[in-house]
Amino acid sequence: MVRLVRIFVAQKSNKMSEKRITGIQQIGIGVENLKVAWRWYGSHFGMDVRVFEDDAVAELMLPYTGGQPRKRHAALAVNIQGGGGFEIWQYKGRVPEAPAFAVQAGDLGIFAAKVKSKNVRNSYQELREQGANILGDVSLTPDGKEHFFVKDPFNNIFEVVEGNSWFHDDKKHGGGTYGAIIGVSNIERACKLYTGILGYDKIEYDVTGEFGDLYAIPGGSCKFHRVLLSHSQKRSGGFSRLFGDSKIELIQVLDRQPEFIFKNRLWGDLGFIHICFDIQGMNHLKQECEDKGFPFTVDSAKKEGGSFDMGEAAGHFSYIEDPDGTLIEFVETHRVAILKKLGIYINMRKRDPRKNLPDWLVKGVRFNRFKG
């Protein structure tokens, strides 16, 4: 039986109110060739606007890069119609590793990225005409919404779902990142993070069983406990109108022992490496995470004097782990380029964190389309 739209109510302290999540900024994707992947994501998902591109050394992620600084090439691409971006990430000087086993639904970590669509069936037809590897047909989620799965040429699975918040009409069916399907070992324990800290306090469905809409994906015929979470509070501040609403689906496999997707591998290896939230009030968030048992495992402020420079953007970033080791990134943006060629940047530190950036200003990033 489907239980719809249940809201968790929690007491909020003054400290918590000073932390603000403005939306999913991006989902990280480890790839073998950044340019090839970027072209595919641009042509198939409309992720063709460059927010930043940086070719440097990842010096601060030592807990997840084998204790060594690693050379990498990274780019953040967005779809101007709305949604979070893709941080496309490629090792330099090291061949990224694939999982040593066939990843299945319910394995621990980010199994699939959700991307949103104005019309799911139109997106299905468009991707099919482009020759994309579509897994199965359009089917219904437990709450009766149309969706389907598609696999990119790099073995990553995306779920195309109905989106309900849009930023700009670019005459395309699809938008950007709308959330993720995350495998967990215990949903109740995982909700302490996803509901308690990340604000996904609204349950769209909470169901257990076997599900026909998952049969087309690897391991989809197993028995699962599935919970789809959304947020009852509208995100606000900064780029929140571009990021829009989002949903997280926690999925627990009940009739087999799941594997950790990044077992014996490094952050940045092939697959979905993290999900990143754009936030304001990093110090307040740090205290909240510590109080609730999810301390920062990486904090750029410790070595970068408060602002980490990525060329076209700068900010303060940190990481925590969910109870199963899935990496959650937080970024407090300090500076970002709107039109780099004209020297137009936004200093977010000088703005009221409660106010959205003007739409006309954010839409200026569409002139940074990737041409490669």
Protein backbone atom coordinates (compact mmCIF):
# COMPACT_ATOMS: atom_id res chain seq x y z
CA MET A 1 0.00 0.00 0.00
CA VAL A 2 1.32 3.46 -0.92
CA ARG A 3 1.47 6.09 1.82
CA LEU A 4 1.55 9.53 0.25
CA VAL A 5 2.87 12.90 1.36
CA ARG A 6 3.78 12.27 4.99
CA ILE A 7 5.63 15.14 6.68
CA PHE A 8 8.24 14.73 9.40
CA VAL A 9 7.97 17.43 12.05
CA ALA A 10 11.08 18.31 14.01
CA GLN A 11 11.93 21.07 16.43
CA LYS A 12 14.15 23.71 14.87
CA SER A 13 16.75 25.57 16.89
CA ASN A 14 18.06 29.01 16.10
CA LYS A 15 21.34 27.41 15.02
CA MET A 16 19.58 25.22 12.47
CA SER A 17 17.67 28.18 11.07
CA GLU A 18 20.98 29.84 10.13
CA LYS A 19 21.83 26.98 7.80
CA ARG A 20 20.18 27.14 4.37
CA ILE A 21 20.14 24.51 1.61
CA THR A 22 19.39 26.18 -1.71
CA GLY A 23 19.21 22.98 -3.76
CA ILE A 24 21.16 20.19 -5.38
CA GLN A 25 24.07 21.94 -7.05
CA GLN A 26 25.35 18.89 -8.93
CA ILE A 27 25.94 15.18 -9.00
CA GLY A 28 29.54 14.09 -9.55
CA ILE A 29 30.29 11.63 -12.36
CA GLY A 30 33.68 9.97 -12.73
CA VAL A 31 34.52 9.37 -16.40
CA GLU A 32 37.40 8.20 -18.58
CA ASN A 33 37.22 11.12 -21.03
CA LEU A 34 35.68 14.39 -19.90
CA LYS A 35 35.23 15.94 -23.33
CA VAL A 36 33.52 12.87 -24.80
CA ALA A 37 31.22 12.54 -21.80
CA TRP A 38 30.39 16.26 -21.79
CA ARG A 39 29.39 16.17 -25.45
CA TRP A 40 27.08 13.22 -24.78
CA TYR A 41 25.47 14.83 -21.73
CA GLY A 42 25.04 18.06 -23.68
CA SER A 43 23.34 16.45 -26.69
CA HIS A 44 21.18 14.00 -24.72
CA PHE A 45 20.38 15.83 -21.48
CA GLY A 46 20.94 19.48 -22.45
CA MET A 47 23.84 19.83 -19.97
CA ASP A 48 25.69 22.25 -22.20
CA VAL A 49 26.27 25.39 -20.10
CA ARG A 50 29.72 25.64 -18.53
CA VAL A 51 29.78 26.99 -14.96
CA PHE A 52 33.45 26.22 -14.43
CA GLU A 53 36.23 24.06 -15.84
CA ASP A 54 39.35 23.38 -13.82
CA ASP A 55 42.47 21.34 -14.56
CA ALA A 56 44.40 21.03 -11.30
CA VAL A 57 45.34 18.75 -8.41
CA ALA A 58 42.78 17.46 -5.91
CA GLU A 59 44.82 18.06 -2.78
CA LEU A 60 42.10 18.09 -0.13
CA MET A 61 40.37 14.76 -0.78
CA LEU A 62 43.13 12.58 0.65
CA PRO A 63 40.77 10.41 2.75
CA TYR A 64 39.17 9.27 -0.53
CA THR A 65 42.10 9.36 -2.99
CA GLY A 66 44.39 6.82 -1.37
CA GLY A 67 46.14 9.42 0.77
CA GLN A 68 47.73 11.10 -2.27
CA PRO A 69 46.97 14.33 -4.15
CA ARG A 70 45.58 13.43 -7.57
CA LYS A 71 45.67 15.33 -10.84
CA ARG A 72 42.23 15.78 -12.33
CA HIS A 73 40.20 17.65 -14.92
CA ALA A 74 36.73 18.68 -13.78
CA ALA A 75 33.88 20.70 -15.26
CA LEU A 76 30.47 21.71 -13.95
CA ALA A 77 27.75 21.75 -16.62
CA VAL A 78 24.10 22.76 -16.18
CA ASN A 79 20.90 22.77 -18.20
CA ILE A 80 19.55 26.34 -18.32
CA GLN A 81 15.96 25.05 -18.13
CA GLY A 82 16.64 24.15 -14.52
CA GLY A 83 17.86 21.47 -12.14
CA GLY A 84 21.21 20.67 -10.63
CA GLY A 85 24.30 20.19 -12.76
CA PHE A 86 26.73 17.42 -13.59
CA GLU A 87 30.25 17.72 -12.22
CA ILE A 88 32.11 15.69 -14.84
CA TRP A 89 35.38 14.47 -13.33
CA GLN A 90 38.37 12.78 -14.97
CA TYR A 91 41.61 11.56 -13.42
CA LYS A 92 44.84 12.70 -15.12
CA GLY A 93 47.83 10.37 -14.90
CA ARG A 94 45.75 7.52 -13.50
CA VAL A 95 43.31 5.17 -15.22
CA PRO A 96 39.99 5.36 -13.35
CA GLU A 97 38.66 2.02 -12.15
CA ALA A 98 35.25 0.50 -12.77
CA PRO A 99 33.54 -1.61 -10.08
CA ALA A 100 34.93 -5.13 -9.80
CA PHE A 101 31.37 -6.51 -9.83
CA ALA A 102 28.13 -5.85 -11.70
CA VAL A 103 26.35 -3.10 -9.78
CA GLN A 104 22.69 -3.85 -9.04
CA ALA A 105 19.78 -1.87 -7.67
CA GLY A 106 20.09 -1.72 -3.91
CA ASP A 107 23.88 -1.76 -3.82
CA LEU A 108 25.16 0.85 -1.41
CA GLY A 109 25.74 4.27 -2.92
CA ILE A 110 24.34 6.34 -5.75
CA PHE A 111 22.81 3.83 -8.14
CA ALA A 112 21.14 6.30 -10.54
CA ALA A 113 20.82 10.03 -11.08
CA LYS A 114 17.34 11.45 -11.52
CA VAL A 115 16.94 13.95 -14.38
CA LYS A 116 13.70 15.82 -14.88
CA SER A 117 11.45 16.11 -17.89
CA LYS A 118 8.51 18.30 -18.89
CA ASN A 119 7.01 15.34 -20.74
CA VAL A 120 8.42 11.89 -19.94
CA ARG A 121 7.05 10.21 -23.07
CA ASN A 122 8.46 12.92 -25.33
CA SER A 123 11.84 12.56 -23.64
CA TYR A 124 11.65 8.79 -24.14
CA GLN A 125 10.96 9.23 -27.85
CA GLU A 126 13.69 11.83 -28.27
CA LEU A 127 16.34 9.70 -26.56
CA ARG A 128 15.28 6.63 -28.53
CA GLU A 129 15.64 8.57 -31.79
CA GLN A 130 19.14 9.61 -30.67
CA GLY A 131 20.06 5.95 -30.26
CA ALA A 132 20.41 6.04 -26.48
CA ASN A 133 20.43 2.76 -24.55
CA ILE A 134 16.96 2.87 -22.97
CA LEU A 135 16.25 0.20 -20.36
CA GLY A 136 12.68 -1.02 -20.81
CA ASP A 137 9.66 1.16 -21.49
CA VAL A 138 7.92 4.05 -19.79
CA SER A 139 6.38 2.70 -16.58
CA LEU A 140 4.71 4.01 -13.43
CA THR A 141 6.35 4.66 -10.07
CA PRO A 142 4.53 3.51 -6.92
CA ASP A 143 2.73 6.88 -6.77
CA GLY A 144 1.58 6.65 -10.39
CA LYS A 145 4.13 8.94 -12.08
CA GLU A 146 5.66 8.09 -15.45
CA HIS A 147 9.40 7.39 -15.60
CA PHE A 148 12.00 5.34 -17.45
CA PHE A 149 15.68 4.44 -17.22
CA VAL A 150 18.47 5.10 -19.69
CA LYS A 151 22.12 4.05 -19.60
CA ASP A 152 24.82 6.38 -20.92
CA PRO A 153 27.75 5.00 -23.00
CA PHE A 154 29.85 4.98 -19.80
CA ASN A 155 27.64 2.48 -17.91
CA ASN A 156 25.86 5.04 -15.71
CA ILE A 157 22.09 4.76 -15.23
CA PHE A 158 19.77 7.78 -15.25
CA GLU A 159 16.10 7.84 -14.31
CA VAL A 160 14.02 10.31 -16.33
CA VAL A 161 11.16 11.56 -14.16
CA GLU A 162 8.44 14.17 -14.27
CA GLY A 163 9.70 17.55 -13.03
CA ASN A 164 7.53 20.23 -11.47
CA SER A 165 9.85 23.26 -11.29
CA TRP A 166 11.43 25.00 -14.27
CA PHE A 167 13.63 28.05 -14.59
CA HIS A 168 13.87 28.95 -18.30
CA ASP A 169 12.11 27.71 -21.44
CA ASP A 170 14.81 26.59 -23.85
CA LYS A 171 12.33 24.66 -26.06
CA LYS A 172 13.59 21.27 -24.84
CA HIS A 173 11.85 18.43 -23.03
CA GLY A 174 14.44 17.82 -20.36
CA GLY A 175 16.18 19.51 -17.47
CA GLY A 176 19.03 18.79 -15.12
CA THR A 177 19.60 16.79 -11.97
CA TYR A 178 16.43 16.20 -9.94
CA GLY A 179 17.89 13.92 -7.29
CA ALA A 180 19.14 10.36 -7.06
CA ILE A 181 18.36 6.75 -6.24
CA ILE A 182 20.61 5.81 -3.34
CA GLY A 183 21.11 2.28 -2.04
CA VAL A 184 21.13 2.02 1.75
CA SER A 185 21.33 -0.84 4.26
CA ASN A 186 18.74 0.62 6.64
CA ILE A 187 16.25 3.28 5.56
CA GLU A 188 15.34 4.42 9.07
CA ARG A 189 18.99 5.03 9.91
CA ALA A 190 19.63 6.78 6.57
CA CYS A 191 16.70 9.15 7.15
CA LYS A 192 18.57 10.68 10.09
CA LEU A 193 20.72 12.34 7.45
CA TYR A 194 18.45 12.75 4.43
CA THR A 195 15.44 13.92 6.46
CA GLY A 196 17.08 15.34 9.57
CA ILE A 197 19.92 17.34 7.98
CA LEU A 198 19.15 17.63 4.27
CA GLY A 199 15.50 18.56 4.81
CA TYR A 200 13.78 15.80 2.79
CA ASP A 201 10.97 15.65 5.32
CA LYS A 202 8.09 14.71 3.04
CA ILE A 203 7.43 11.08 2.08
CA GLU A 204 5.89 10.72 -1.37
CA TYR A 205 5.73 6.95 -1.01
CA ASP A 206 6.94 4.26 1.40
CA VAL A 207 6.47 0.77 -0.08
CA THR A 208 7.86 -2.74 0.21
CA GLY A 209 7.72 -5.58 -2.30
CA GLU A 210 8.70 -6.41 -5.87
CA PHE A 211 8.15 -3.66 -8.44
CA GLY A 212 7.54 -4.02 -12.15
CA ASP A 213 8.89 -0.54 -12.87
CA LEU A 214 12.36 -1.72 -11.74
CA TYR A 215 12.51 -4.97 -13.72
CA ALA A 216 14.46 -3.41 -16.60
CA ILE A 217 17.40 -2.31 -14.43
CA PRO A 218 20.14 -4.62 -13.11
CA GLY A 219 18.92 -6.44 -10.00
CA GLY A 220 15.50 -4.85 -10.30
CA SER A 221 13.54 -8.07 -9.77
CA CYS A 222 14.58 -8.33 -6.11
CA LYS A 223 12.41 -7.41 -3.13
CA PHE A 224 12.93 -3.82 -1.95
CA HIS A 225 11.91 -1.27 0.61
CA ARG A 226 11.57 2.03 -1.30
CA VAL A 227 11.02 5.50 0.14
CA LEU A 228 10.75 8.58 -2.06
CA LEU A 229 11.57 11.78 -0.18
CA SER A 230 10.91 15.41 -1.12
CA HIS A 231 11.12 18.66 0.83
CA SER A 232 8.08 20.44 2.25
CA GLN A 233 9.94 23.74 2.51
CA LYS A 234 10.59 25.58 -0.76
CA ARG A 235 14.31 26.12 -1.28
CA SER A 236 15.30 29.78 -1.39
CA GLY A 237 18.36 32.00 -1.71
CA GLY A 238 21.13 32.25 -4.28
CA PHE A 239 20.64 29.97 -7.29
CA SER A 240 17.66 28.14 -5.78
CA ARG A 241 15.30 29.00 -8.65
CA LEU A 242 17.73 27.45 -11.14
CA PHE A 243 18.24 24.33 -9.01
CA GLY A 244 14.51 23.93 -8.32
CA ASP A 245 12.88 21.15 -6.33
CA SER A 246 14.47 17.73 -5.91
CA LYS A 247 13.76 14.24 -4.61
CA ILE A 248 15.82 11.47 -3.07
CA GLU A 249 14.78 7.83 -3.34
CA LEU A 250 16.25 5.51 -0.74
CA ILE A 251 16.19 1.87 -1.78
CA GLN A 252 16.98 -1.08 0.48
CA VAL A 253 17.28 -4.56 -1.05
CA LEU A 254 15.77 -7.21 1.23
CA ASP A 255 16.60 -10.58 -0.33
CA ARG A 256 20.32 -10.33 -1.01
CA GLN A 257 23.41 -8.79 0.61
CA PRO A 258 24.25 -5.49 -1.10
CA GLU A 259 27.77 -4.45 -2.08
CA PHE A 260 29.28 -0.99 -1.58
CA ILE A 261 29.49 0.48 -5.09
CA PHE A 262 32.88 2.14 -4.43
CA LYS A 263 34.35 -0.88 -2.63
CA ASN A 264 38.17 -0.84 -2.98
CA ARG A 265 38.01 2.17 -5.32
CA LEU A 266 38.81 5.88 -5.08
CA TRP A 267 36.58 8.93 -5.20
CA GLY A 268 36.74 10.05 -8.83
CA ASP A 269 36.73 6.52 -10.22
CA LEU A 270 34.00 5.59 -12.70
CA GLY A 271 30.41 6.18 -11.67
CA PHE A 272 28.47 8.58 -9.47
CA ILE A 273 31.05 9.83 -6.99
CA HIS A 274 28.93 12.16 -4.82
CA ILE A 275 25.82 14.30 -4.64
CA CYS A 276 26.42 17.96 -3.86
CA PHE A 277 24.17 20.48 -2.11
CA ASP A 278 24.55 24.23 -2.51
CA ILE A 279 24.34 25.70 0.98
CA GLN A 280 24.70 28.87 3.01
CA GLY A 281 25.96 28.97 6.58
CA MET A 282 28.69 26.31 6.44
CA ASN A 283 29.78 26.82 10.05
CA HIS A 284 26.26 26.26 11.34
CA LEU A 285 25.90 23.21 9.11
CA LYS A 286 29.20 21.82 10.41
CA GLN A 287 27.98 22.05 14.00
CA GLU A 288 24.65 20.43 13.11
CA CYS A 289 26.37 17.56 11.31
CA GLU A 290 28.66 16.95 14.28
CA ASP A 291 25.77 17.07 16.74
CA LYS A 292 23.83 14.48 14.71
CA GLY A 293 26.73 12.09 14.19
CA PHE A 294 27.83 13.03 10.66
CA PRO A 295 31.09 15.01 11.14
CA PHE A 296 32.86 16.62 8.20
CA THR A 297 35.46 14.24 6.77
CA VAL A 298 36.83 16.91 4.41
CA ASP A 299 36.75 20.67 5.02
CA SER A 300 38.43 23.00 2.52
CA ALA A 301 38.59 25.84 5.05
CA LYS A 302 41.31 24.00 6.98
CA LYS A 303 43.87 24.53 4.23
CA GLU A 304 42.50 27.17 1.90
CA GLY A 305 41.95 30.11 4.22
CA GLY A 306 38.19 29.95 3.88
CA SER A 307 37.80 29.94 0.08
CA PHE A 308 38.80 27.25 -2.41
CA ASP A 309 39.61 28.64 -5.89
CA MET A 310 38.41 26.69 -8.95
CA GLY A 311 39.31 29.29 -11.57
CA GLU A 312 35.89 30.48 -12.72
CA ALA A 313 34.41 29.86 -9.28
CA ALA A 314 35.43 29.85 -5.64
CA GLY A 315 33.86 28.65 -2.43
CA HIS A 316 34.03 26.60 0.74
CA PHE A 317 33.38 22.88 0.33
CA SER A 318 33.06 19.98 2.73
CA TYR A 319 32.07 16.31 2.73
CA ILE A 320 30.23 13.93 5.01
CA GLU A 321 29.34 10.26 4.62
CA ASP A 322 25.87 8.78 4.91
CA PRO A 323 25.60 5.70 7.19
CA ASP A 324 26.74 3.44 4.33
CA GLY A 325 29.64 5.58 3.14
CA THR A 326 27.96 7.46 0.27
CA LEU A 327 29.63 10.85 -0.12
CA ILE A 328 27.57 14.00 0.35
CA GLU A 329 29.26 17.26 -0.63
CA PHE A 330 28.33 20.75 0.56
CA VAL A 331 29.42 23.88 -1.29
CA GLU A 332 29.03 27.43 -0.05
CA THR A 333 29.64 29.49 -3.19
CA HIS A 334 31.70 32.65 -2.75
CA ARG A 335 32.31 33.69 -6.36
CA VAL A 336 30.99 32.44 -9.70
CA ALA A 337 31.37 33.62 -13.29
CA ILE A 338 28.28 34.67 -15.21
CA LEU A 339 30.14 35.92 -18.29
CA LYS A 340 33.83 35.19 -17.82
CA LYS A 341 34.82 36.73 -21.18
CA LEU A 342 33.39 40.05 -20.05
CA GLY A 343 34.73 39.69 -16.53
CA ILE A 344 31.25 39.45 -14.99
CA TYR A 345 31.36 37.58 -11.68
CA ILE A 346 28.99 37.41 -8.72
CA ASN A 347 30.39 37.86 -5.22
CA MET A 348 27.90 35.82 -3.19
CA ARG A 349 29.41 36.95 0.13
CA LYS A 350 28.06 40.46 -0.41
CA ARG A 351 24.49 39.33 -1.01
CA ASP A 352 21.61 38.70 1.37
CA PRO A 353 21.63 34.86 1.66
CA ARG A 354 17.84 34.80 1.95
CA LYS A 355 17.26 36.43 -1.45
CA ASN A 356 17.26 34.67 -4.82
CA LEU A 357 19.57 36.00 -7.48
CA PRO A 358 17.63 37.87 -10.18
CA ASP A 359 16.49 35.57 -12.98
CA TRP A 360 17.92 37.84 -15.68
CA LEU A 361 21.35 37.61 -14.07
CA VAL A 362 21.36 33.82 -13.70
CA LYS A 363 20.13 33.41 -17.28
CA GLY A 364 23.35 35.09 -18.38
CA VAL A 365 25.20 31.80 -17.85
CA ARG A 366 23.52 30.40 -20.98
CA PHE A 367 26.05 32.37 -23.03
CA ASN A 368 28.75 30.05 -21.60
CA ARG A 369 27.55 27.09 -23.66
CA PHE A 370 30.10 24.34 -24.23
CA LYS A 371 31.14 24.19 -27.88
CA GLY A 372 33.62 21.30 -27.74
